[in-house]
Amino acid sequence: MTFLADENFPVTAFRLLLESGFDIKHIAFDMPSITDVDVTELAIKENRIILTFDGDYGTLIFKFGYRPLGVVYFRLQNITAAEPAYIVRNLMKEGYELVNMHTVVENDKIRQRRIQ
């Protein structure tokens, strides 16, 4: 699986995933300040799952018809900068399907909706 970390995804978590062997790019390093639409189009072009703390991607998918490979939306409070990396690894370890899914990770639950 390949990932695209949105600009708001913690650099600490990005580096942990990169060091763990994940194929991941970070918008802040490659294309800072691009729009959510541009991030989505890049994710589609490169077949990457978006990792983000921005809820606007659900609107782009379910209202405007964009079809990225997947989105993991972290809707978390009071976490460390490293925790999103551990969450991504645990999602994969626990067998969550991230491809063609809009995954919302909250402090107390995980919800998924298919991207059709």
N, C-alpha and C. Protein backbone atom coordinates (compact mmCIF):
# COMPACT_ATOMS: atom_id res chain seq x y z
N MET A 1 0.83 -1.17 0.00
CA MET A 1 0.00 0.00 0.00
C MET A 1 0.88 1.25 0.00
N THR A 2 0.42 2.24 -0.72
CA THR A 2 1.15 3.50 -0.78
C THR A 2 0.29 4.61 -0.18
N PHE A 3 0.94 5.56 0.47
CA PHE A 3 0.22 6.60 1.20
C PHE A 3 0.68 7.98 0.79
N LEU A 4 -0.22 8.95 0.98
CA LEU A 4 0.07 10.36 0.77
C LEU A 4 -0.38 11.08 2.03
N ALA A 5 0.58 11.59 2.80
CA ALA A 5 0.27 12.30 4.03
C ALA A 5 -0.08 13.75 3.69
N ASP A 6 -1.25 14.16 4.12
CA ASP A 6 -1.69 15.54 3.92
C ASP A 6 -0.77 16.46 4.74
N GLU A 7 -0.83 17.73 4.43
CA GLU A 7 0.05 18.70 5.09
C GLU A 7 -0.14 18.72 6.60
N ASN A 8 -1.33 18.39 7.09
CA ASN A 8 -1.59 18.41 8.52
C ASN A 8 -1.23 17.11 9.24
N PHE A 9 -0.77 16.11 8.51
CA PHE A 9 -0.36 14.85 9.13
C PHE A 9 0.98 15.06 9.81
N PRO A 10 1.11 14.67 11.08
CA PRO A 10 2.35 14.96 11.82
C PRO A 10 3.60 14.39 11.14
N VAL A 11 4.61 15.23 11.04
CA VAL A 11 5.87 14.81 10.42
C VAL A 11 6.50 13.66 11.21
N THR A 12 6.34 13.68 12.52
CA THR A 12 6.87 12.58 13.34
C THR A 12 6.26 11.25 12.92
N ALA A 13 4.95 11.21 12.74
CA ALA A 13 4.27 9.98 12.31
C ALA A 13 4.70 9.60 10.90
N PHE A 14 4.82 10.59 10.02
CA PHE A 14 5.29 10.34 8.66
C PHE A 14 6.66 9.66 8.68
N ARG A 15 7.57 10.22 9.46
CA ARG A 15 8.93 9.65 9.52
C ARG A 15 8.94 8.24 10.09
N LEU A 16 8.11 7.98 11.09
CA LEU A 16 8.03 6.63 11.64
C LEU A 16 7.55 5.63 10.59
N LEU A 17 6.55 6.02 9.81
CA LEU A 17 6.06 5.13 8.75
C LEU A 17 7.12 4.94 7.67
N LEU A 18 7.79 6.01 7.29
CA LEU A 18 8.85 5.93 6.29
C LEU A 18 9.97 5.01 6.76
N GLU A 19 10.39 5.17 8.01
CA GLU A 19 11.46 4.33 8.57
C GLU A 19 11.03 2.88 8.74
N SER A 20 9.71 2.64 8.81
CA SER A 20 9.20 1.27 8.92
C SER A 20 9.05 0.60 7.56
N GLY A 21 9.41 1.32 6.49
CA GLY A 21 9.38 0.74 5.15
C GLY A 21 8.15 1.07 4.33
N PHE A 22 7.28 1.93 4.82
CA PHE A 22 6.09 2.30 4.06
C PHE A 22 6.46 3.20 2.89
N ASP A 23 5.74 3.03 1.80
CA ASP A 23 5.86 3.91 0.63
C ASP A 23 4.94 5.09 0.90
N ILE A 24 5.50 6.19 1.35
CA ILE A 24 4.70 7.34 1.77
C ILE A 24 5.38 8.63 1.35
N LYS A 25 4.55 9.58 0.91
CA LYS A 25 5.00 10.93 0.59
C LYS A 25 4.27 11.90 1.52
N HIS A 26 4.89 13.05 1.77
CA HIS A 26 4.26 14.07 2.61
C HIS A 26 4.11 15.36 1.81
N ILE A 27 2.89 15.87 1.75
CA ILE A 27 2.60 17.09 1.00
C ILE A 27 3.48 18.25 1.45
N ALA A 28 3.73 18.36 2.75
CA ALA A 28 4.52 19.49 3.28
C ALA A 28 5.92 19.54 2.69
N PHE A 29 6.46 18.40 2.31
CA PHE A 29 7.80 18.36 1.73
C PHE A 29 7.78 18.47 0.21
N ASP A 30 6.78 17.84 -0.40
CA ASP A 30 6.74 17.75 -1.86
C ASP A 30 6.00 18.90 -2.53
N MET A 31 4.89 19.35 -1.93
CA MET A 31 4.06 20.40 -2.55
C MET A 31 3.31 21.16 -1.47
N PRO A 32 3.98 21.91 -0.63
CA PRO A 32 3.28 22.60 0.46
C PRO A 32 2.21 23.57 -0.06
N SER A 33 1.16 23.67 0.71
CA SER A 33 0.07 24.63 0.49
C SER A 33 -0.80 24.37 -0.73
N ILE A 34 -0.79 23.16 -1.28
CA ILE A 34 -1.71 22.88 -2.38
C ILE A 34 -3.10 22.62 -1.80
N THR A 35 -4.12 22.74 -2.62
CA THR A 35 -5.50 22.59 -2.18
C THR A 35 -5.84 21.11 -1.94
N ASP A 36 -6.95 20.90 -1.23
CA ASP A 36 -7.42 19.53 -1.01
C ASP A 36 -7.75 18.84 -2.33
N VAL A 37 -8.28 19.58 -3.28
CA VAL A 37 -8.57 19.01 -4.61
C VAL A 37 -7.27 18.56 -5.26
N ASP A 38 -6.22 19.38 -5.18
CA ASP A 38 -4.93 19.01 -5.75
C ASP A 38 -4.33 17.79 -5.06
N VAL A 39 -4.49 17.72 -3.74
CA VAL A 39 -4.01 16.55 -2.99
C VAL A 39 -4.75 15.30 -3.47
N THR A 40 -6.05 15.43 -3.61
CA THR A 40 -6.87 14.30 -4.06
C THR A 40 -6.48 13.86 -5.47
N GLU A 41 -6.30 14.81 -6.35
CA GLU A 41 -5.90 14.47 -7.73
C GLU A 41 -4.53 13.81 -7.76
N LEU A 42 -3.60 14.28 -6.93
CA LEU A 42 -2.28 13.64 -6.85
C LEU A 42 -2.41 12.22 -6.32
N ALA A 43 -3.23 12.03 -5.29
CA ALA A 43 -3.44 10.69 -4.73
C ALA A 43 -4.04 9.75 -5.77
N ILE A 44 -4.96 10.27 -6.57
CA ILE A 44 -5.57 9.45 -7.63
C ILE A 44 -4.52 9.10 -8.68
N LYS A 45 -3.76 10.10 -9.10
CA LYS A 45 -2.74 9.89 -10.13
C LYS A 45 -1.69 8.87 -9.69
N GLU A 46 -1.28 8.95 -8.42
CA GLU A 46 -0.22 8.07 -7.92
C GLU A 46 -0.75 6.84 -7.19
N ASN A 47 -2.06 6.68 -7.17
CA ASN A 47 -2.68 5.52 -6.52
C ASN A 47 -2.26 5.39 -5.06
N ARG A 48 -2.48 6.48 -4.30
CA ARG A 48 -2.09 6.53 -2.90
C ARG A 48 -3.30 6.75 -2.01
N ILE A 49 -3.24 6.22 -0.81
CA ILE A 49 -4.25 6.43 0.22
C ILE A 49 -3.88 7.70 0.98
N ILE A 50 -4.83 8.61 1.11
CA ILE A 50 -4.60 9.88 1.80
C ILE A 50 -4.70 9.68 3.31
N LEU A 51 -3.71 10.19 4.03
CA LEU A 51 -3.73 10.22 5.50
C LEU A 51 -3.91 11.68 5.90
N THR A 52 -4.96 11.99 6.66
CA THR A 52 -5.28 13.39 6.92
C THR A 52 -5.99 13.60 8.24
N PHE A 53 -5.93 14.84 8.71
CA PHE A 53 -6.71 15.29 9.85
C PHE A 53 -7.80 16.26 9.37
N ASP A 54 -8.06 16.28 8.08
CA ASP A 54 -8.97 17.23 7.44
C ASP A 54 -10.22 16.49 6.96
N GLY A 55 -11.38 16.89 7.47
CA GLY A 55 -12.63 16.23 7.12
C GLY A 55 -13.17 16.58 5.75
N ASP A 56 -12.55 17.52 5.04
CA ASP A 56 -13.05 17.93 3.73
C ASP A 56 -12.97 16.84 2.67
N TYR A 57 -12.15 15.84 2.87
CA TYR A 57 -12.01 14.80 1.84
C TYR A 57 -13.29 13.98 1.71
N GLY A 58 -14.03 13.81 2.79
CA GLY A 58 -15.32 13.13 2.70
C GLY A 58 -16.28 13.87 1.77
N THR A 59 -16.27 15.20 1.86
CA THR A 59 -17.11 16.01 0.97
C THR A 59 -16.67 15.85 -0.48
N LEU A 60 -15.37 15.88 -0.71
CA LEU A 60 -14.86 15.71 -2.08
C LEU A 60 -15.27 14.36 -2.67
N ILE A 61 -15.26 13.34 -1.83
CA ILE A 61 -15.60 12.00 -2.29
C ILE A 61 -17.11 11.83 -2.46
N PHE A 62 -17.86 12.09 -1.41
CA PHE A 62 -19.28 11.73 -1.40
C PHE A 62 -20.20 12.79 -2.00
N LYS A 63 -19.73 14.02 -2.12
CA LYS A 63 -20.55 15.06 -2.73
C LYS A 63 -20.10 15.38 -4.15
N PHE A 64 -18.78 15.41 -4.36
CA PHE A 64 -18.27 15.85 -5.66
C PHE A 64 -17.71 14.72 -6.53
N GLY A 65 -17.72 13.48 -6.03
CA GLY A 65 -17.40 12.33 -6.86
C GLY A 65 -15.93 11.99 -7.07
N TYR A 66 -15.04 12.58 -6.32
CA TYR A 66 -13.62 12.21 -6.43
C TYR A 66 -13.45 10.78 -5.91
N ARG A 67 -12.52 10.05 -6.52
CA ARG A 67 -12.33 8.65 -6.17
C ARG A 67 -10.86 8.32 -5.90
N PRO A 68 -10.31 8.80 -4.78
CA PRO A 68 -8.95 8.38 -4.45
C PRO A 68 -8.95 6.91 -4.05
N LEU A 69 -7.78 6.33 -3.97
CA LEU A 69 -7.65 4.93 -3.59
C LEU A 69 -8.27 4.68 -2.22
N GLY A 70 -8.15 5.65 -1.34
CA GLY A 70 -8.71 5.55 0.00
C GLY A 70 -8.33 6.79 0.80
N VAL A 71 -9.01 6.99 1.92
CA VAL A 71 -8.71 8.08 2.83
C VAL A 71 -8.78 7.54 4.25
N VAL A 72 -7.78 7.89 5.05
CA VAL A 72 -7.85 7.64 6.48
C VAL A 72 -7.88 9.02 7.13
N TYR A 73 -9.03 9.33 7.72
CA TYR A 73 -9.26 10.62 8.34
C TYR A 73 -9.15 10.44 9.86
N PHE A 74 -8.14 11.08 10.43
CA PHE A 74 -7.90 11.01 11.87
C PHE A 74 -8.69 12.14 12.54
N ARG A 75 -9.68 11.75 13.29
CA ARG A 75 -10.52 12.71 14.02
C ARG A 75 -10.27 12.48 15.50
N LEU A 76 -9.06 12.81 15.90
CA LEU A 76 -8.57 12.46 17.23
C LEU A 76 -8.27 13.70 18.06
N GLN A 77 -8.37 13.54 19.36
CA GLN A 77 -8.03 14.61 20.28
C GLN A 77 -7.00 14.11 21.28
N ASN A 78 -6.13 15.02 21.70
CA ASN A 78 -5.15 14.73 22.75
C ASN A 78 -4.28 13.52 22.45
N ILE A 79 -3.62 13.56 21.32
CA ILE A 79 -2.71 12.47 20.95
C ILE A 79 -1.31 13.03 20.73
N THR A 80 -0.33 12.15 20.73
CA THR A 80 1.03 12.56 20.43
C THR A 80 1.23 12.59 18.93
N ALA A 81 2.30 13.22 18.49
CA ALA A 81 2.60 13.31 17.06
C ALA A 81 2.95 11.96 16.46
N ALA A 82 3.32 11.01 17.27
CA ALA A 82 3.69 9.68 16.76
C ALA A 82 2.50 8.74 16.63
N GLU A 83 1.45 8.97 17.38
CA GLU A 83 0.33 8.02 17.44
C GLU A 83 -0.31 7.69 16.10
N PRO A 84 -0.48 8.64 15.17
CA PRO A 84 -1.08 8.25 13.89
C PRO A 84 -0.30 7.15 13.16
N ALA A 85 1.00 7.12 13.31
CA ALA A 85 1.80 6.06 12.68
C ALA A 85 1.45 4.71 13.28
N TYR A 86 1.33 4.65 14.60
CA TYR A 86 0.97 3.39 15.25
C TYR A 86 -0.44 2.96 14.86
N ILE A 87 -1.32 3.92 14.70
CA ILE A 87 -2.69 3.60 14.30
C ILE A 87 -2.73 3.02 12.89
N VAL A 88 -1.99 3.62 11.95
CA VAL A 88 -1.94 3.08 10.59
C VAL A 88 -1.42 1.65 10.60
N ARG A 89 -0.34 1.42 11.33
CA ARG A 89 0.22 0.06 11.40
C ARG A 89 -0.79 -0.91 12.02
N ASN A 90 -1.50 -0.48 13.06
CA ASN A 90 -2.48 -1.36 13.70
C ASN A 90 -3.68 -1.63 12.80
N LEU A 91 -4.12 -0.63 12.05
CA LEU A 91 -5.22 -0.85 11.11
C LEU A 91 -4.86 -1.96 10.13
N MET A 92 -3.65 -1.90 9.62
CA MET A 92 -3.21 -2.91 8.65
C MET A 92 -3.05 -4.27 9.33
N LYS A 93 -2.46 -4.26 10.52
CA LYS A 93 -2.24 -5.51 11.25
C LYS A 93 -3.56 -6.19 11.60
N GLU A 94 -4.57 -5.38 11.94
CA GLU A 94 -5.87 -5.92 12.32
C GLU A 94 -6.75 -6.27 11.13
N GLY A 95 -6.25 -6.04 9.92
CA GLY A 95 -6.97 -6.47 8.73
C GLY A 95 -8.00 -5.50 8.20
N TYR A 96 -7.95 -4.25 8.62
CA TYR A 96 -8.88 -3.27 8.06
C TYR A 96 -8.56 -3.07 6.59
N GLU A 97 -9.58 -3.05 5.76
CA GLU A 97 -9.42 -2.76 4.35
C GLU A 97 -9.38 -1.26 4.19
N LEU A 98 -8.30 -0.73 3.65
CA LEU A 98 -8.17 0.71 3.47
C LEU A 98 -8.39 1.13 2.02
N VAL A 99 -8.26 0.20 1.10
CA VAL A 99 -8.46 0.49 -0.31
C VAL A 99 -9.95 0.61 -0.59
N ASN A 100 -10.31 1.66 -1.33
CA ASN A 100 -11.70 1.97 -1.67
C ASN A 100 -12.56 2.26 -0.44
N MET A 101 -11.92 2.72 0.63
CA MET A 101 -12.64 3.02 1.86
C MET A 101 -12.30 4.41 2.37
N HIS A 102 -13.30 5.08 2.91
CA HIS A 102 -13.11 6.32 3.66
C HIS A 102 -13.19 5.89 5.12
N THR A 103 -12.04 5.88 5.79
CA THR A 103 -11.93 5.39 7.15
C THR A 103 -11.81 6.58 8.09
N VAL A 104 -12.67 6.62 9.10
CA VAL A 104 -12.62 7.68 10.10
C VAL A 104 -12.17 7.07 11.41
N VAL A 105 -11.04 7.55 11.91
CA VAL A 105 -10.47 7.05 13.15
C VAL A 105 -10.74 8.08 14.24
N GLU A 106 -11.53 7.68 15.23
CA GLU A 106 -11.81 8.54 16.37
C GLU A 106 -11.18 7.91 17.61
N ASN A 107 -11.15 8.65 18.70
CA ASN A 107 -10.52 8.14 19.92
C ASN A 107 -11.15 6.84 20.40
N ASP A 108 -12.46 6.68 20.20
CA ASP A 108 -13.14 5.52 20.75
C ASP A 108 -13.73 4.56 19.72
N LYS A 109 -13.56 4.87 18.42
CA LYS A 109 -14.12 3.97 17.40
C LYS A 109 -13.51 4.24 16.03
N ILE A 110 -13.74 3.28 15.15
CA ILE A 110 -13.31 3.39 13.75
C ILE A 110 -14.54 3.12 12.89
N ARG A 111 -14.80 4.04 11.95
CA ARG A 111 -15.94 3.88 11.04
C ARG A 111 -15.40 3.84 9.62
N GLN A 112 -16.06 3.07 8.78
CA GLN A 112 -15.65 3.00 7.38
C GLN A 112 -16.86 3.09 6.47
N ARG A 113 -16.64 3.73 5.34
CA ARG A 113 -17.66 3.83 4.29
C ARG A 113 -16.97 3.58 2.96
N ARG A 114 -17.58 2.74 2.16
CA ARG A 114 -17.00 2.38 0.86
C ARG A 114 -17.03 3.57 -0.09
N ILE A 115 -15.94 3.77 -0.81
CA ILE A 115 -15.85 4.76 -1.87
C ILE A 115 -16.27 4.06 -3.14
N GLN A 116 -17.39 4.47 -3.73
CA GLN A 116 -17.90 3.77 -4.92
C GLN A 116 -17.77 4.60 -6.15
